C-alpha atoms as a PDB file:
ATOM      1  CA  MET A   1      46.576  -0.261  12.272  1.00  0.00           C
ATOM      2  CA  THR A   2      43.386   1.512  13.746  1.00  0.00           C
ATOM      3  CA  ASP A   3      40.093  -0.972  15.412  1.00  0.00           C
ATOM      4  CA  LEU A   4      38.482   0.300  12.504  1.00  0.00           C
ATOM      5  CA  GLU A   5      40.863  -0.461   9.764  1.00  0.00           C
ATOM      6  CA  LEU A   6      41.556  -4.002  11.264  1.00  0.00           C
ATOM      7  CA  ALA A   7      38.008  -4.772  11.410  1.00  0.00           C
ATOM      8  CA  THR A   8      37.236  -3.546   7.790  1.00  0.00           C
ATOM      9  CA  HIS A   9      40.423  -5.521   6.762  1.00  0.00           C
ATOM     10  CA  ALA A  10      38.936  -8.772   8.329  1.00  0.00           C
ATOM     11  CA  ALA A  11      35.074  -7.609   6.180  1.00  0.00           C
ATOM     12  CA  LEU A  12      36.825  -7.431   3.331  1.00  0.00           C
ATOM     13  CA  THR A  13      39.308 -10.520   3.656  1.00  0.00           C
ATOM     14  CA  ALA A  14      36.581 -12.347   3.891  1.00  0.00           C
ATOM     15  CA  GLY A  15      34.376 -10.592   1.887  1.00  0.00           C
ATOM     16  CA  ASN A  16      36.301 -11.694  -1.403  1.00  0.00           C
ATOM     17  CA  PHE A  17      36.481 -15.387  -0.356  1.00  0.00           C
ATOM     18  CA  LEU A  18      32.798 -15.577  -0.230  1.00  0.00           C
ATOM     19  CA  ARG A  19      32.658 -13.286  -3.573  1.00  0.00           C
ATOM     20  CA  ALA A  20      34.563 -16.105  -4.876  1.00  0.00           C
ATOM     21  CA  GLU A  21      32.337 -19.026  -3.812  1.00  0.00           C
ATOM     22  CA  PHE A  22      29.155 -17.370  -4.326  1.00  0.00           C
ATOM     23  CA  GLY A  23      27.249 -19.210  -6.928  1.00  0.00           C
ATOM     24  CA  LYS A  24      29.120 -22.514  -6.717  1.00  0.00           C
ATOM     25  CA  THR A  25      27.679 -25.526  -4.932  1.00  0.00           C
ATOM     26  CA  ALA A  26      28.105 -24.846  -0.953  1.00  0.00           C
ATOM     27  CA  VAL A  27      28.385 -27.431   1.675  1.00  0.00           C
ATOM     28  CA  VAL A  28      25.412 -27.400   4.130  1.00  0.00           C
ATOM     29  CA  ASP A  29      26.375 -27.856   7.977  1.00  0.00           C
ATOM     30  CA  GLU A  30      23.072 -28.010   9.332  1.00  0.00           C
ATOM     31  CA  GLU A  31      19.555 -27.313   7.567  1.00  0.00           C
ATOM     32  CA  CYS A  32      16.151 -26.668   9.439  1.00  0.00           C
ATOM     33  CA  HIS A  33      13.051 -25.836   8.217  1.00  0.00           C
ATOM     34  CA  HIS A  34      13.423 -22.284   8.902  1.00  0.00           C
ATOM     35  CA  ASP A  35      17.162 -21.573   8.350  1.00  0.00           C
ATOM     36  CA  ILE A  36      20.714 -23.160   6.621  1.00  0.00           C
ATOM     37  CA  LYS A  37      23.965 -23.229   8.110  1.00  0.00           C
ATOM     38  CA  LEU A  38      26.906 -23.587   5.934  1.00  0.00           C
ATOM     39  CA  ALA A  39      30.601 -24.695   5.996  1.00  0.00           C
ATOM     40  CA  LEU A  40      31.522 -21.192   4.682  1.00  0.00           C
ATOM     41  CA  ASP A  41      29.616 -19.791   7.549  1.00  0.00           C
ATOM     42  CA  LYS A  42      32.631 -20.865   9.350  1.00  0.00           C
ATOM     43  CA  GLU A  43      35.287 -20.608   7.239  1.00  0.00           C
ATOM     44  CA  SER A  44      34.686 -17.061   6.832  1.00  0.00           C
ATOM     45  CA  GLN A  45      34.538 -16.692  10.465  1.00  0.00           C
ATOM     46  CA  GLU A  46      37.523 -18.550  10.669  1.00  0.00           C
ATOM     47  CA  MET A  47      39.002 -16.446   8.865  1.00  0.00           C
ATOM     48  CA  ILE A  48      37.710 -12.946  10.303  1.00  0.00           C
ATOM     49  CA  THR A  49      38.945 -14.663  14.145  1.00  0.00           C
ATOM     50  CA  GLN A  50      42.528 -14.981  12.647  1.00  0.00           C
ATOM     51  CA  ILE A  51      42.643 -11.925  11.581  1.00  0.00           C
ATOM     52  CA  LEU A  52      41.324 -10.403  14.387  1.00  0.00           C
ATOM     53  CA  LEU A  53      42.645 -11.626  17.235  1.00  0.00           C
ATOM     54  CA  ASN A  54      46.225 -12.454  15.697  1.00  0.00           C
ATOM     55  CA  ALA A  55      46.868  -8.621  15.846  1.00  0.00           C
ATOM     56  CA  HIS A  56      44.983  -8.647  19.098  1.00  0.00           C
ATOM     57  CA  PRO A  57      45.277 -12.180  21.126  1.00  0.00           C
ATOM     58  CA  ASP A  58      44.078 -10.700  24.318  1.00  0.00           C
ATOM     59  CA  ASP A  59      40.953  -9.748  22.855  1.00  0.00           C
ATOM     60  CA  ALA A  60      37.577 -11.779  22.854  1.00  0.00           C
ATOM     61  CA  LEU A  61      35.370 -12.810  19.798  1.00  0.00           C
ATOM     62  CA  TYR A  62      31.715 -13.704  19.860  1.00  0.00           C
ATOM     63  CA  GLY A  63      30.251 -14.804  16.810  1.00  0.00           C
ATOM     64  CA  GLU A  64      27.515 -16.927  15.139  1.00  0.00           C
ATOM     65  CA  GLU A  65      29.535 -19.482  14.555  1.00  0.00           C
ATOM     66  CA  GLY A  66      30.900 -19.366  18.165  1.00  0.00           C
ATOM     67  CA  ILE A  67      33.490 -17.949  20.037  1.00  0.00           C
ATOM     68  CA  ALA A  68      37.301 -17.616  20.343  1.00  0.00           C
ATOM     69  CA  GLY A  69      39.915 -15.566  22.460  1.00  0.00           C
ATOM     70  CA  ASN A  70      40.004 -14.101  26.099  1.00  0.00           C
ATOM     71  CA  GLN A  71      36.025 -13.848  27.328  1.00  0.00           C
ATOM     72  CA  ASP A  72      37.527 -12.277  30.290  1.00  0.00           C
ATOM     73  CA  SER A  73      38.702  -9.395  27.959  1.00  0.00           C
ATOM     74  CA  SER A  74      36.821  -5.682  27.851  1.00  0.00           C
ATOM     75  CA  ARG A  75      36.841  -5.690  24.736  1.00  0.00           C
ATOM     76  CA  GLN A  76      35.111  -7.974  22.646  1.00  0.00           C
ATOM     77  CA  TRP A  77      34.613  -8.615  18.609  1.00  0.00           C
ATOM     78  CA  ILE A  78      30.888  -9.579  17.796  1.00  0.00           C
ATOM     79  CA  VAL A  79      31.214 -11.111  14.279  1.00  0.00           C
ATOM     80  CA  ASP A  80      28.587 -12.359  11.559  1.00  0.00           C
ATOM     81  CA  PRO A  81      30.217 -14.086   9.194  1.00  0.00           C
ATOM     82  CA  ILE A  82      27.671 -14.401   6.770  1.00  0.00           C
ATOM     83  CA  ASP A  83      24.161 -12.271   7.326  1.00  0.00           C
ATOM     84  CA  GLY A  84      22.267 -13.979   4.887  1.00  0.00           C
ATOM     85  CA  THR A  85      23.499 -17.273   4.120  1.00  0.00           C
ATOM     86  CA  VAL A  86      19.786 -18.382   3.257  1.00  0.00           C
ATOM     87  CA  ASN A  87      20.182 -15.734   0.595  1.00  0.00           C
ATOM     88  CA  PHE A  88      23.820 -17.055  -0.303  1.00  0.00           C
ATOM     89  CA  PHE A  89      22.751 -21.001  -0.718  1.00  0.00           C
ATOM     90  CA  TYR A  90      19.974 -19.827  -2.943  1.00  0.00           C
ATOM     91  CA  GLY A  91      21.912 -17.524  -5.192  1.00  0.00           C
ATOM     92  CA  ILE A  92      20.271 -14.234  -4.084  1.00  0.00           C
ATOM     93  CA  PRO A  93      23.097 -11.812  -3.839  1.00  0.00           C
ATOM     94  CA  HIS A  94      22.075  -9.540  -0.919  1.00  0.00           C
ATOM     95  CA  PHE A  95      24.068 -11.082   1.889  1.00  0.00           C
ATOM     96  CA  CYS A  96      27.071  -9.430   4.141  1.00  0.00           C
ATOM     97  CA  VAL A  97      29.835  -9.826   7.026  1.00  0.00           C
ATOM     98  CA  SER A  98      29.468  -7.550   9.599  1.00  0.00           C
ATOM     99  CA  ILE A  99      32.557  -7.058  12.641  1.00  0.00           C
ATOM    100  CA  ALA A 100      31.621  -4.952  15.667  1.00  0.00           C
ATOM    101  CA  LEU A 101      33.567  -3.988  18.363  1.00  0.00           C
ATOM    102  CA  ARG A 102      32.158  -3.836  21.843  1.00  0.00           C
ATOM    103  CA  ILE A 103      34.538  -2.559  24.823  1.00  0.00           C
ATOM    104  CA  ASP A 104      32.837  -2.329  28.131  1.00  0.00           C
ATOM    105  CA  GLY A 105      29.569  -2.982  27.116  1.00  0.00           C
ATOM    106  CA  GLU A 106      29.565   0.224  24.528  1.00  0.00           C
ATOM    107  CA  ILE A 107      29.792  -0.430  20.641  1.00  0.00           C
ATOM    108  CA  VAL A 108      32.618   1.809  19.052  1.00  0.00           C
ATOM    109  CA  ALA A 109      33.368   0.360  15.488  1.00  0.00           C
ATOM    110  CA  GLY A 110      31.918  -1.463  13.214  1.00  0.00           C
ATOM    111  CA  VAL A 111      31.731  -2.494   9.552  1.00  0.00           C
ATOM    112  CA  ILE A 112      29.241  -3.935   7.331  1.00  0.00           C
ATOM    113  CA  HIS A 113      30.753  -5.472   3.555  1.00  0.00           C
ATOM    114  CA  ASP A 114      28.216  -6.631   0.563  1.00  0.00           C
ATOM    115  CA  PRO A 115      31.219  -8.475  -0.966  1.00  0.00           C
ATOM    116  CA  ILE A 116      28.469  -8.464  -4.303  1.00  0.00           C
ATOM    117  CA  VAL A 117      27.333  -5.215  -4.698  1.00  0.00           C
ATOM    118  CA  GLN A 118      31.000  -3.972  -3.600  1.00  0.00           C
ATOM    119  CA  GLU A 119      29.736  -1.303  -0.630  1.00  0.00           C
ATOM    120  CA  THR A 120      30.879  -1.006   2.329  1.00  0.00           C
ATOM    121  CA  TRP A 121      29.869   1.060   5.563  1.00  0.00           C
ATOM    122  CA  THR A 122      32.168   1.844   8.578  1.00  0.00           C
ATOM    123  CA  VAL A 123      31.570   3.702  11.507  1.00  0.00           C
ATOM    124  CA  GLU A 124      33.099   4.774  14.608  1.00  0.00           C
ATOM    125  CA  LYS A 125      32.099   6.418  17.846  1.00  0.00           C
ATOM    126  CA  GLY A 126      32.998  10.159  17.864  1.00  0.00           C
ATOM    127  CA  GLY A 127      33.578   9.900  14.094  1.00  0.00           C
ATOM    128  CA  PRO A 128      30.978   9.936  10.901  1.00  0.00           C
ATOM    129  CA  ALA A 129      28.973   7.024   9.742  1.00  0.00           C
ATOM    130  CA  MET A 130      30.567   6.381   6.299  1.00  0.00           C
ATOM    131  CA  HIS A 131      30.017   4.085   2.855  1.00  0.00           C
ATOM    132  CA  ASN A 132      32.734   3.667   0.814  1.00  0.00           C
ATOM    133  CA  GLY A 133      34.648   6.912   2.010  1.00  0.00           C
ATOM    134  CA  ASN A 134      31.710   8.872   2.179  1.00  0.00           C
ATOM    135  CA  PRO A 135      29.646  10.165   4.693  1.00  0.00           C
ATOM    136  CA  ILE A 136      26.114   9.066   4.981  1.00  0.00           C
ATOM    137  CA  GLN A 137      22.847  10.073   6.759  1.00  0.00           C
ATOM    138  CA  CYS A 138      19.332   8.591   7.472  1.00  0.00           C
ATOM    139  CA  SER A 139      16.958  10.228   5.187  1.00  0.00           C
ATOM    140  CA  LYS A 140      14.277  13.416   5.984  1.00  0.00           C
ATOM    141  CA  ARG A 141      11.233  11.779   5.493  1.00  0.00           C
ATOM    142  CA  THR A 142       8.467  12.108   8.289  1.00  0.00           C
ATOM    143  CA  LYS A 143       5.678  10.821   6.776  1.00  0.00           C
ATOM    144  CA  LEU A 144       4.473   6.779   6.831  1.00  0.00           C
ATOM    145  CA  GLU A 145       3.395   6.965   3.230  1.00  0.00           C
ATOM    146  CA  GLU A 146       6.480   8.373   2.006  1.00  0.00           C
ATOM    147  CA  SER A 147       8.622   5.532   3.920  1.00  0.00           C
ATOM    148  CA  ILE A 148      10.016   2.044   2.614  1.00  0.00           C
ATOM    149  CA  LEU A 149       9.919  -0.125   5.596  1.00  0.00           C
ATOM    150  CA  PHE A 150      11.829  -3.554   6.019  1.00  0.00           C
ATOM    151  CA  VAL A 151       9.829  -5.656   9.064  1.00  0.00           C
ATOM    152  CA  GLY A 152      11.610  -9.273   9.684  1.00  0.00           C
ATOM    153  CA  CYS A 153       9.476 -11.548  10.937  1.00  0.00           C
ATOM    154  CA  GLY A 154      11.664 -13.685  12.676  1.00  0.00           C
ATOM    155  CA  LYS A 155      11.582 -18.135  12.625  1.00  0.00           C
ATOM    156  CA  ASP A 156       9.482 -19.347  15.138  1.00  0.00           C
ATOM    157  CA  GLY A 157       5.388 -19.039  15.645  1.00  0.00           C
ATOM    158  CA  GLU A 158       4.936 -16.199  17.849  1.00  0.00           C
ATOM    159  CA  ALA A 159       7.949 -14.164  16.437  1.00  0.00           C
ATOM    160  CA  LEU A 160       5.996 -14.725  12.870  1.00  0.00           C
ATOM    161  CA  LYS A 161       2.670 -14.050  14.376  1.00  0.00           C
ATOM    162  CA  THR A 162       3.985 -10.729  15.520  1.00  0.00           C
ATOM    163  CA  GLY A 163       5.843  -9.493  12.385  1.00  0.00           C
ATOM    164  CA  MET A 164       3.282 -10.791  10.166  1.00  0.00           C
ATOM    165  CA  GLU A 165       0.578  -8.525  12.250  1.00  0.00           C
ATOM    166  CA  ARG A 166       3.097  -5.702  11.808  1.00  0.00           C
ATOM    167  CA  PHE A 167       3.462  -6.092   8.093  1.00  0.00           C
ATOM    168  CA  ALA A 168      -0.109  -6.115   7.366  1.00  0.00           C
ATOM    169  CA  ARG A 169      -0.499  -2.999   9.932  1.00  0.00           C
ATOM    170  CA  ALA A 170       2.366  -1.033   7.490  1.00  0.00           C
ATOM    171  CA  SER A 171       1.665  -2.376   4.606  1.00  0.00           C
ATOM    172  CA  LEU A 172      -1.618   0.027   4.471  1.00  0.00           C
ATOM    173  CA  ARG A 173       0.454   3.001   5.786  1.00  0.00           C
ATOM    174  CA  ALA A 174       4.183   2.950   4.347  1.00  0.00           C
ATOM    175  CA  ARG A 175       4.549   3.469  -0.062  1.00  0.00           C
ATOM    176  CA  LYS A 176       6.618  -0.158  -0.067  1.00  0.00           C
ATOM    177  CA  MET A 177       7.689  -3.023   2.323  1.00  0.00           C
ATOM    178  CA  ARG A 178      10.472  -5.774   1.811  1.00  0.00           C
ATOM    179  CA  MET A 179      12.037  -8.364   3.799  1.00  0.00           C
ATOM    180  CA  MET A 180      14.990  -8.359   2.822  1.00  0.00           C
ATOM    181  CA  GLY A 181      16.921 -11.508   4.786  1.00  0.00           C
ATOM    182  CA  SER A 182      19.650  -9.464   5.829  1.00  0.00           C
ATOM    183  CA  ALA A 183      19.283  -7.317   9.468  1.00  0.00           C
ATOM    184  CA  ALA A 184      22.939  -5.760   8.508  1.00  0.00           C
ATOM    185  CA  LEU A 185      22.106  -4.574   5.576  1.00  0.00           C
ATOM    186  CA  GLY A 186      18.606  -3.515   6.266  1.00  0.00           C
ATOM    187  CA  MET A 187      20.243  -0.846   8.876  1.00  0.00           C
ATOM    188  CA  ALA A 188      23.183   0.052   6.267  1.00  0.00           C
ATOM    189  CA  TYR A 189      20.291   1.009   4.215  1.00  0.00           C
ATOM    190  CA  ILE A 190      18.961   2.750   6.564  1.00  0.00           C
ATOM    191  CA  ALA A 191      21.266   5.021   7.683  1.00  0.00           C
ATOM    192  CA  SER A 192      22.596   5.661   4.471  1.00  0.00           C
ATOM    193  CA  GLY A 193      18.573   7.127   3.629  1.00  0.00           C
ATOM    194  CA  ARG A 194      17.299   4.126   0.907  1.00  0.00           C
ATOM    195  CA  LEU A 195      14.631   3.072   3.972  1.00  0.00           C
ATOM    196  CA  ASP A 196      13.838   4.295   6.751  1.00  0.00           C
ATOM    197  CA  ALA A 197      13.130   1.138   9.435  1.00  0.00           C
ATOM    198  CA  TYR A 198      13.353  -1.838  10.290  1.00  0.00           C
ATOM    199  CA  VAL A 199      11.659  -3.947  12.691  1.00  0.00           C
ATOM    200  CA  GLU A 200      11.854  -7.833  13.910  1.00  0.00           C
ATOM    201  CA  SER A 201      10.612  -9.105  16.786  1.00  0.00           C
ATOM    202  CA  ARG A 202      13.607 -11.406  17.165  1.00  0.00           C
ATOM    203  CA  ILE A 203      16.587 -11.080  15.628  1.00  0.00           C
ATOM    204  CA  SER A 204      20.783 -11.735  17.002  1.00  0.00           C
ATOM    205  CA  LEU A 205      23.122  -9.540  19.173  1.00  0.00           C
ATOM    206  CA  TRP A 206      25.341 -10.090  16.057  1.00  0.00           C
ATOM    207  CA  ASP A 207      22.773  -9.497  13.026  1.00  0.00           C
ATOM    208  CA  ILE A 208      22.280  -5.912  14.125  1.00  0.00           C
ATOM    209  CA  ALA A 209      25.816  -4.575  16.668  1.00  0.00           C
ATOM    210  CA  ALA A 210      27.560  -2.854  13.521  1.00  0.00           C
ATOM    211  CA  GLY A 211      23.978  -1.710  12.022  1.00  0.00           C
ATOM    212  CA  GLN A 212      22.825  -0.059  15.872  1.00  0.00           C
ATOM    213  CA  LEU A 213      26.312   2.378  15.625  1.00  0.00           C
ATOM    214  CA  LEU A 214      25.933   3.015  11.846  1.00  0.00           C
ATOM    215  CA  VAL A 215      22.375   4.470  12.372  1.00  0.00           C
ATOM    216  CA  GLU A 216      22.742   6.090  15.428  1.00  0.00           C
ATOM    217  CA  THR A 217      25.615   8.117  13.864  1.00  0.00           C
ATOM    218  CA  ALA A 218      24.047   8.471  10.633  1.00  0.00           C
ATOM    219  CA  GLY A 219      21.068  10.463  12.647  1.00  0.00           C
ATOM    220  CA  GLY A 220      18.589   7.600  13.440  1.00  0.00           C
ATOM    221  CA  LYS A 221      17.036   5.613  16.087  1.00  0.00           C
ATOM    222  CA  VAL A 222      17.483   2.223  17.411  1.00  0.00           C
ATOM    223  CA  ASP A 223      15.583   0.544  20.081  1.00  0.00           C
ATOM    224  CA  LEU A 224      16.441  -2.436  21.390  1.00  0.00           C
ATOM    225  CA  SER A 225      14.332  -4.729  23.721  1.00  0.00           C
ATOM    226  CA  PRO A 226      16.258  -7.979  25.078  1.00  0.00           C
ATOM    227  CA  SER A 227      14.357 -11.577  25.015  1.00  0.00           C
ATOM    228  CA  PRO A 228      13.795 -12.720  28.614  1.00  0.00           C
ATOM    229  CA  ASN A 229      14.518 -16.294  27.314  1.00  0.00           C
ATOM    230  CA  ASN A 230      17.162 -16.391  24.786  1.00  0.00           C
ATOM    231  CA  PRO A 231      20.635 -14.340  26.017  1.00  0.00           C
ATOM    232  CA  ASP A 232      21.816 -11.344  23.416  1.00  0.00           C
ATOM    233  CA  THR A 233      18.488 -11.491  21.231  1.00  0.00           C
ATOM    234  CA  TYR A 234      16.864  -8.360  21.533  1.00  0.00           C
ATOM    235  CA  SER A 235      13.234  -7.182  19.919  1.00  0.00           C
ATOM    236  CA  ILE A 236      14.508  -4.083  17.384  1.00  0.00           C
ATOM    237  CA  VAL A 237      13.206  -1.304  16.090  1.00  0.00           C
ATOM    238  CA  ALA A 238      15.519   1.268  13.761  1.00  0.00           C
ATOM    239  CA  SER A 239      14.619   4.038  12.184  1.00  0.00           C
ATOM    240  CA  ASN A 240      15.634   7.863  10.740  1.00  0.00           C
ATOM    241  CA  GLY A 241      14.356   8.815  13.957  1.00  0.00           C
ATOM    242  CA  LEU A 242      11.365  11.192  12.182  1.00  0.00           C
ATOM    243  CA  ILE A 243       9.012   8.517  10.819  1.00  0.00           C
ATOM    244  CA  PRO A 244       6.014   7.656  13.204  1.00  0.00           C
ATOM    245  CA  ILE A 245       7.347   4.202  13.594  1.00  0.00           C
ATOM    246  CA  GLU A 246       5.543   3.574  16.593  1.00  0.00           C
ATOM    247  CA  GLU A 247       2.333   3.411  14.600  1.00  0.00           C
ATOM    248  CA  ILE A 248       2.950   0.287  13.157  1.00  0.00           C
ATOM    249  CA  LEU A 249       3.688  -1.736  16.600  1.00  0.00           C
END
């Protein structure tokens, strides 16, 4: 089994589990004003971890719910077991499982799986970006006036202020705006030509690792700026590479 096949198997297994649990009463492990952590987040990551590290016990795993494996390994799996946990908890069918493989600091494979809609995006370095087994590419739209943009607003005062200012500027230019609650699915939608750009001032590595390779392979562009105070946290501008996204930043 190739690395991509293994990651896909892990994402589909976790996705089937989450699909079966969707709509049921979920146990909340942690709760704050802007976010929720579910027991299902940990259970999903444990399931993924078991599949990946059973196949490659010397690999490292870095996930939203913690680390596992050999952290000195050059091979690191980057996992978001539920990207869109709040959506899941409130019964909104827009969330996914995201898994990426980074070798020697470079993302070489990624999977994003939406268990409700039954859509799976896969990509590996040197190969095509795929959606349910079919090649995809970013949109060819070149004007903001024709575009649909996804602008995230973050979870703290500074990020919220930046996000809302961008949202206001973009709303005057773009055809439509969206706040969707899943960065990974937003990037998958850019790669599929459904959205034209995604912008957020603070997002975690596990949210966008698989999506970065997917968008870039599908012909788009992803710019990441590391946060000076938060490790593995970035400001992101992802687009089809054609619209003048800098005009709203």
